[in-house]
């Protein structure tokens, strides 16, 4: 949970306790049920998780391209355009991954050069 959500939940619980102590007739009874409600947040993927997933996808595309090339060479019924499309997808995704790596290294080098 994020800090602001915890703070908001705590304020809501305190307000509910105060209103229940007053027992005002115009306050609905379902406010008492709100005490048990907790805010749930999903864990967002980190940069490392995203990078790992991207590497796995690039690897999968490379393997698919290699398999289609081998099938074509063996004479199995594979269309040449499918082989070329798979090869270009693998090549493009690998180039993108290399550019991301290069930008990350540039960023790292820039941080190292910073004066503290």
N, C-alpha and C. Protein backbone atom coordinates (compact mmCIF):
# COMPACT_ATOMS: atom_id res chain seq x y z
N UNK A 1 0.82 -1.18 0.00
CA UNK A 1 0.00 0.00 0.00
C UNK A 1 0.87 1.25 0.00
N UNK A 2 0.42 2.23 -0.68
CA UNK A 2 1.14 3.48 -0.69
C UNK A 2 0.81 4.27 0.58
N UNK A 3 1.70 5.19 0.92
CA UNK A 3 1.56 5.95 2.16
C UNK A 3 0.29 6.79 2.15
N UNK A 4 -0.02 7.42 1.01
CA UNK A 4 -1.21 8.27 0.98
C UNK A 4 -2.49 7.44 1.12
N UNK A 5 -2.48 6.22 0.61
CA UNK A 5 -3.65 5.35 0.76
C UNK A 5 -3.81 4.93 2.22
N UNK A 6 -2.69 4.64 2.88
CA UNK A 6 -2.74 4.28 4.29
C UNK A 6 -3.25 5.44 5.13
N UNK A 7 -2.77 6.64 4.81
CA UNK A 7 -3.20 7.83 5.53
C UNK A 7 -4.70 8.06 5.34
N UNK A 8 -5.16 7.92 4.11
CA UNK A 8 -6.57 8.10 3.81
C UNK A 8 -7.43 7.06 4.52
N UNK A 9 -6.95 5.82 4.53
CA UNK A 9 -7.69 4.76 5.21
C UNK A 9 -7.75 5.03 6.71
N UNK A 10 -6.65 5.48 7.29
CA UNK A 10 -6.62 5.78 8.71
C UNK A 10 -7.59 6.92 9.06
N UNK A 11 -7.63 7.95 8.21
CA UNK A 11 -8.55 9.07 8.44
C UNK A 11 -10.00 8.60 8.36
N UNK A 12 -10.29 7.74 7.40
CA UNK A 12 -11.65 7.22 7.24
C UNK A 12 -12.05 6.41 8.47
N UNK A 13 -11.15 5.57 8.96
CA UNK A 13 -11.45 4.77 10.14
C UNK A 13 -11.68 5.66 11.36
N UNK A 14 -10.86 6.68 11.54
CA UNK A 14 -11.03 7.59 12.68
C UNK A 14 -12.35 8.34 12.59
N UNK A 15 -12.71 8.78 11.40
CA UNK A 15 -13.99 9.48 11.21
C UNK A 15 -15.16 8.56 11.50
N UNK A 16 -15.05 7.31 11.09
CA UNK A 16 -16.12 6.34 11.37
C UNK A 16 -16.27 6.09 12.85
N UNK A 17 -15.16 6.02 13.56
CA UNK A 17 -15.22 5.81 15.01
C UNK A 17 -15.88 7.00 15.69
N UNK A 18 -15.53 8.22 15.27
CA UNK A 18 -16.14 9.41 15.86
C UNK A 18 -17.64 9.46 15.59
N UNK A 19 -18.05 9.13 14.37
CA UNK A 19 -19.48 9.18 14.05
C UNK A 19 -20.26 8.10 14.77
N UNK A 20 -19.64 6.94 14.98
CA UNK A 20 -20.33 5.88 15.71
C UNK A 20 -20.48 6.24 17.19
N UNK A 21 -19.50 6.96 17.72
CA UNK A 21 -19.59 7.37 19.12
C UNK A 21 -20.71 8.39 19.32
N UNK A 22 -20.91 9.24 18.34
CA UNK A 22 -21.98 10.24 18.44
C UNK A 22 -23.35 9.61 18.27
N UNK A 23 -23.41 8.54 17.45
CA UNK A 23 -24.67 7.84 17.17
C UNK A 23 -25.75 8.79 16.68
N UNK A 24 -25.40 9.58 15.69
CA UNK A 24 -26.38 10.48 15.11
C UNK A 24 -27.35 9.68 14.26
N UNK A 25 -28.65 10.00 14.28
CA UNK A 25 -29.63 9.23 13.54
C UNK A 25 -29.55 9.40 12.03
N UNK A 26 -28.97 10.49 11.51
CA UNK A 26 -28.96 10.67 10.07
C UNK A 26 -27.77 10.01 9.38
N UNK A 27 -26.90 9.32 10.13
CA UNK A 27 -25.75 8.63 9.53
C UNK A 27 -26.18 7.20 9.21
N UNK A 28 -26.00 6.76 7.98
CA UNK A 28 -26.38 5.40 7.61
C UNK A 28 -25.59 4.35 8.40
N UNK A 29 -26.20 3.21 8.63
CA UNK A 29 -25.59 2.16 9.43
C UNK A 29 -24.46 1.43 8.69
N UNK A 30 -24.43 1.52 7.37
CA UNK A 30 -23.40 0.76 6.63
C UNK A 30 -22.00 1.36 6.79
N UNK A 31 -21.87 2.53 7.41
CA UNK A 31 -20.54 3.09 7.66
C UNK A 31 -19.74 2.19 8.59
N UNK A 32 -20.42 1.49 9.47
CA UNK A 32 -19.73 0.57 10.38
C UNK A 32 -19.05 -0.57 9.64
N UNK A 33 -19.58 -0.93 8.49
CA UNK A 33 -19.00 -2.01 7.70
C UNK A 33 -17.73 -1.58 6.96
N UNK A 34 -17.51 -0.28 6.84
CA UNK A 34 -16.35 0.21 6.09
C UNK A 34 -15.04 0.02 6.83
N UNK A 35 -15.08 -0.30 8.11
CA UNK A 35 -13.84 -0.47 8.87
C UNK A 35 -12.98 -1.58 8.30
N UNK A 36 -13.59 -2.67 7.87
CA UNK A 36 -12.85 -3.83 7.40
C UNK A 36 -12.34 -3.72 5.98
N UNK A 37 -12.71 -2.67 5.28
CA UNK A 37 -12.29 -2.53 3.88
C UNK A 37 -10.84 -2.08 3.83
N UNK A 38 -10.05 -2.78 3.03
CA UNK A 38 -8.66 -2.39 2.84
C UNK A 38 -8.46 -2.09 1.37
N UNK A 39 -7.66 -1.08 1.10
CA UNK A 39 -7.36 -0.74 -0.27
C UNK A 39 -6.27 -1.67 -0.78
N UNK A 40 -6.51 -2.27 -1.93
CA UNK A 40 -5.54 -3.19 -2.51
C UNK A 40 -4.94 -2.56 -3.75
N UNK A 41 -3.64 -2.61 -3.82
CA UNK A 41 -2.95 -2.11 -5.01
C UNK A 41 -2.13 -3.23 -5.60
N UNK A 42 -2.10 -3.27 -6.90
CA UNK A 42 -1.31 -4.29 -7.58
C UNK A 42 0.13 -3.81 -7.68
N UNK A 43 1.02 -4.75 -7.58
CA UNK A 43 2.44 -4.42 -7.69
C UNK A 43 2.75 -4.12 -9.15
N UNK A 44 3.30 -2.95 -9.38
CA UNK A 44 3.67 -2.58 -10.74
C UNK A 44 4.99 -3.24 -11.08
N UNK A 45 5.14 -3.69 -12.33
CA UNK A 45 6.41 -4.34 -12.69
C UNK A 45 7.56 -3.34 -12.65
N UNK A 46 8.70 -3.80 -12.18
CA UNK A 46 9.86 -2.93 -12.09
C UNK A 46 10.56 -2.86 -13.45
N UNK A 47 11.55 -2.00 -13.54
CA UNK A 47 12.32 -1.86 -14.78
C UNK A 47 13.02 -3.17 -15.10
N UNK A 48 13.55 -3.83 -14.09
CA UNK A 48 14.26 -5.10 -14.29
C UNK A 48 13.31 -6.16 -14.83
N UNK A 49 12.09 -6.24 -14.27
CA UNK A 49 11.11 -7.21 -14.76
C UNK A 49 10.75 -6.95 -16.21
N UNK A 50 10.57 -5.68 -16.56
CA UNK A 50 10.25 -5.32 -17.93
C UNK A 50 11.39 -5.67 -18.87
N UNK A 51 12.61 -5.41 -18.43
CA UNK A 51 13.78 -5.73 -19.25
C UNK A 51 13.92 -7.23 -19.44
N UNK A 52 13.71 -8.00 -18.38
CA UNK A 52 13.78 -9.46 -18.49
C UNK A 52 12.73 -9.98 -19.46
N UNK A 53 11.53 -9.44 -19.38
CA UNK A 53 10.46 -9.87 -20.28
C UNK A 53 10.81 -9.54 -21.73
N UNK A 54 11.39 -8.37 -21.94
CA UNK A 54 11.77 -7.97 -23.29
C UNK A 54 12.86 -8.90 -23.84
N UNK A 55 13.83 -9.25 -23.02
CA UNK A 55 14.89 -10.16 -23.45
C UNK A 55 14.31 -11.52 -23.80
N UNK A 56 13.38 -12.00 -23.00
CA UNK A 56 12.75 -13.29 -23.28
C UNK A 56 11.98 -13.25 -24.60
N UNK A 57 11.28 -12.15 -24.86
CA UNK A 57 10.53 -12.03 -26.11
C UNK A 57 11.46 -11.99 -27.32
N UNK A 58 12.58 -11.27 -27.19
CA UNK A 58 13.56 -11.21 -28.28
C UNK A 58 14.15 -12.59 -28.51
N UNK A 59 14.46 -13.30 -27.44
CA UNK A 59 14.99 -14.65 -27.57
C UNK A 59 14.00 -15.59 -28.25
N UNK A 60 12.73 -15.46 -27.89
CA UNK A 60 11.69 -16.29 -28.49
C UNK A 60 11.58 -16.01 -29.99
N UNK A 61 11.61 -14.73 -30.37
CA UNK A 61 11.54 -14.38 -31.79
C UNK A 61 12.76 -14.91 -32.55
N UNK A 62 13.93 -14.88 -31.93
CA UNK A 62 15.14 -15.41 -32.56
C UNK A 62 15.01 -16.93 -32.77
N UNK A 63 14.49 -17.62 -31.77
CA UNK A 63 14.32 -19.07 -31.88
C UNK A 63 13.29 -19.43 -32.95
N UNK A 64 12.19 -18.68 -33.00
CA UNK A 64 11.17 -18.94 -34.02
C UNK A 64 11.73 -18.72 -35.42
N UNK A 65 12.52 -17.67 -35.58
CA UNK A 65 13.13 -17.37 -36.87
C UNK A 65 14.09 -18.49 -37.27
N UNK A 66 14.89 -18.94 -36.34
CA UNK A 66 15.84 -20.02 -36.61
C UNK A 66 15.10 -21.30 -37.00
N UNK A 67 14.01 -21.60 -36.29
CA UNK A 67 13.24 -22.81 -36.59
C UNK A 67 12.62 -22.75 -37.98
N UNK A 68 12.08 -21.60 -38.36
CA UNK A 68 11.48 -21.46 -39.69
C UNK A 68 12.55 -21.57 -40.78
N UNK A 69 13.73 -21.02 -40.52
CA UNK A 69 14.81 -21.13 -41.50
C UNK A 69 15.24 -22.58 -41.67
N UNK A 70 15.36 -23.29 -40.56
CA UNK A 70 15.74 -24.71 -40.63
C UNK A 70 14.68 -25.53 -41.35
N UNK A 71 13.41 -25.25 -41.06
CA UNK A 71 12.32 -25.97 -41.73
C UNK A 71 12.34 -25.71 -43.24
N UNK A 72 12.61 -24.47 -43.62
CA UNK A 72 12.66 -24.13 -45.04
C UNK A 72 13.82 -24.84 -45.73
N UNK A 73 14.97 -24.89 -45.06
CA UNK A 73 16.15 -25.55 -45.64
C UNK A 73 15.91 -27.04 -45.78
N UNK A 74 15.21 -27.64 -44.84
CA UNK A 74 14.92 -29.07 -44.89
C UNK A 74 13.89 -29.41 -45.96
N UNK A 75 13.22 -28.40 -46.49
CA UNK A 75 12.23 -28.64 -47.54
C UNK A 75 10.82 -28.86 -47.02
N UNK A 76 10.59 -28.54 -45.80
CA UNK A 76 9.25 -28.67 -45.23
C UNK A 76 8.37 -27.56 -45.79
N UNK A 77 7.05 -27.73 -45.72
CA UNK A 77 6.14 -26.73 -46.32
C UNK A 77 6.08 -25.43 -45.53
N UNK A 78 7.07 -24.58 -45.77
CA UNK A 78 7.12 -23.27 -45.14
C UNK A 78 7.28 -22.24 -46.25
N UNK A 79 6.46 -21.22 -46.22
CA UNK A 79 6.53 -20.18 -47.25
C UNK A 79 7.75 -19.29 -47.01
N UNK A 80 8.37 -18.86 -48.10
CA UNK A 80 9.56 -18.03 -48.00
C UNK A 80 9.26 -16.68 -47.35
N UNK A 81 8.07 -16.14 -47.62
CA UNK A 81 7.75 -14.85 -47.00
C UNK A 81 7.58 -14.97 -45.49
N UNK A 82 7.10 -16.13 -45.00
CA UNK A 82 7.02 -16.35 -43.55
C UNK A 82 8.41 -16.39 -42.92
N UNK A 83 9.34 -17.01 -43.63
CA UNK A 83 10.72 -17.08 -43.15
C UNK A 83 11.32 -15.67 -43.08
N UNK A 84 11.10 -14.89 -44.14
CA UNK A 84 11.66 -13.54 -44.19
C UNK A 84 11.02 -12.62 -43.14
N UNK A 85 9.72 -12.75 -42.95
CA UNK A 85 9.03 -11.93 -41.94
C UNK A 85 9.53 -12.26 -40.55
N UNK A 86 9.69 -13.56 -40.25
CA UNK A 86 10.19 -13.97 -38.93
C UNK A 86 11.61 -13.45 -38.71
N UNK A 87 12.44 -13.50 -39.77
CA UNK A 87 13.82 -13.02 -39.65
C UNK A 87 13.84 -11.51 -39.41
N UNK A 88 13.00 -10.77 -40.10
CA UNK A 88 12.97 -9.31 -39.92
C UNK A 88 12.43 -8.92 -38.53
N UNK A 89 11.43 -9.66 -38.05
CA UNK A 89 10.92 -9.39 -36.70
C UNK A 89 12.02 -9.61 -35.67
N UNK A 90 12.74 -10.72 -35.81
CA UNK A 90 13.82 -11.03 -34.87
C UNK A 90 14.92 -9.97 -34.95
N UNK A 91 15.26 -9.57 -36.17
CA UNK A 91 16.31 -8.57 -36.35
C UNK A 91 15.91 -7.22 -35.75
N UNK A 92 14.69 -6.79 -36.03
CA UNK A 92 14.21 -5.50 -35.54
C UNK A 92 14.11 -5.49 -34.02
N UNK A 93 13.59 -6.55 -33.44
CA UNK A 93 13.47 -6.59 -31.98
C UNK A 93 14.85 -6.62 -31.32
N UNK A 94 15.80 -7.30 -31.94
CA UNK A 94 17.16 -7.32 -31.39
C UNK A 94 17.80 -5.93 -31.49
N UNK A 95 17.59 -5.25 -32.60
CA UNK A 95 18.12 -3.90 -32.74
C UNK A 95 17.52 -2.95 -31.69
N UNK A 96 16.23 -3.08 -31.45
CA UNK A 96 15.58 -2.26 -30.42
C UNK A 96 16.18 -2.54 -29.05
N UNK A 97 16.39 -3.81 -28.74
CA UNK A 97 16.99 -4.18 -27.46
C UNK A 97 18.40 -3.60 -27.33
N UNK A 98 19.16 -3.63 -28.39
CA UNK A 98 20.51 -3.08 -28.36
C UNK A 98 20.49 -1.55 -28.18
N UNK A 99 19.54 -0.88 -28.80
CA UNK A 99 19.41 0.57 -28.62
C UNK A 99 19.03 0.92 -27.19
N UNK A 100 18.15 0.14 -26.61
CA UNK A 100 17.77 0.36 -25.21
C UNK A 100 18.98 0.15 -24.31
N UNK A 101 19.74 -0.90 -24.59
CA UNK A 101 20.97 -1.14 -23.82
C UNK A 101 21.94 0.02 -23.95
N UNK A 102 22.13 0.50 -25.19
CA UNK A 102 23.06 1.60 -25.42
C UNK A 102 22.62 2.88 -24.69
N UNK A 103 21.32 3.16 -24.73
CA UNK A 103 20.81 4.35 -24.03
C UNK A 103 20.98 4.21 -22.52
N UNK A 104 20.75 3.01 -22.03
CA UNK A 104 20.92 2.76 -20.60
C UNK A 104 22.38 2.94 -20.20
N UNK A 105 23.31 2.45 -21.01
CA UNK A 105 24.73 2.62 -20.72
C UNK A 105 25.14 4.10 -20.78
N UNK A 106 24.61 4.83 -21.74
CA UNK A 106 24.87 6.27 -21.81
C UNK A 106 24.36 6.97 -20.55
N UNK A 107 23.19 6.59 -20.12
CA UNK A 107 22.60 7.16 -18.91
C UNK A 107 23.47 6.84 -17.70
N UNK A 108 23.93 5.60 -17.62
CA UNK A 108 24.80 5.17 -16.51
C UNK A 108 26.10 5.96 -16.51
N UNK A 109 26.71 6.12 -17.67
CA UNK A 109 27.95 6.88 -17.76
C UNK A 109 27.74 8.35 -17.36
N UNK A 110 26.62 8.89 -17.74
CA UNK A 110 26.31 10.28 -17.38
C UNK A 110 26.17 10.42 -15.87
N UNK A 111 25.54 9.45 -15.23
CA UNK A 111 25.38 9.48 -13.76
C UNK A 111 26.74 9.36 -13.08
N UNK A 112 27.60 8.53 -13.63
CA UNK A 112 28.94 8.36 -13.04
C UNK A 112 29.71 9.68 -13.11
N UNK A 113 29.52 10.46 -14.19
CA UNK A 113 30.25 11.72 -14.36
C UNK A 113 29.74 12.85 -13.48
N UNK A 114 28.56 12.70 -12.91
CA UNK A 114 27.99 13.78 -12.10
C UNK A 114 28.85 14.07 -10.87
N UNK A 115 28.99 15.32 -10.56
CA UNK A 115 29.71 15.75 -9.36
C UNK A 115 28.73 15.81 -8.19
N UNK A 116 29.12 15.27 -7.09
CA UNK A 116 28.24 15.29 -5.90
C UNK A 116 28.71 16.35 -4.94
